[in-house]
Amino acid sequence: LSNMSESLFTETPRFSKGVQLINELDIDRFPKLLTRILQNLHNKAEPAFNEAEQVKLGPALSLTSSELVLVIETLTFICQQAAYHATKPGILMTELEAVAINSDKCKVICEGWSAHGKPTIEKLKKHSFAPKQLQSVEWHLNLKLAQDSKSNLKEPNAIFQLNVENNDNDGVPSEPVLLEFNHSQLFNLYNKLEVIQSQLDSLS
């Protein structure tokens, strides 16, 4: 989850092209496409549509194979963002309109999210999109000389060791992640964690 004061979607050239293709889709076929993506959102192991299905789906939607991949990728990203932020349909509508998705497609996406959003989030809470998962945290305080060589002052900092575990079950242990923070960096992190905690609370 990230700070919702920022836009839900980052408008990269690829995302904008995906939006353009979505806007051109047949509105009658669009709901089934979206529903399939929503219902499969929690499944990291398998795509929403297998290769055989994509071969048939592309011509049915008047899309090339690469265009179909981009449409699925863009809709998946939209649904993931809505899930990560536990976005309410009204807010989602505003965010979709802000990136120039047509009103008819906005309506279908928001209706689909209203119907499938809650069970989708429940499934996602049981799965992790990240390849590694935090197991434990170790930390200690440290003092180091200030960068100004003329000063004898020492700057306090905190060293964190994040012990993570691979989610891929490949038997390969993960290297611990070491992070160093000065006072202002740690304070900024704390504020962001407070926001994340409040958003996690809204999911529970």
Foldseek 3Di string as FASTA:
>chain_A
DFDPVDQLDDDDVLLLLLLVLQLLWDLVPPLVLLLLLLVCLQPPPDHSDDPVRLVVVQVVRVHDSVSVVSNSVNSSSLLVSCLLQVPQLVVSLVSCVVSPRDPSSSVSNSVSCVVRVLVSNVSNVVHDPDQKDFDDKDKDKDWAADPPPVDRDIFIKMKMWTQIAGPVPPPDGDDIDIDIGGPVRVVVVVVRVVVSVVSVVVSD
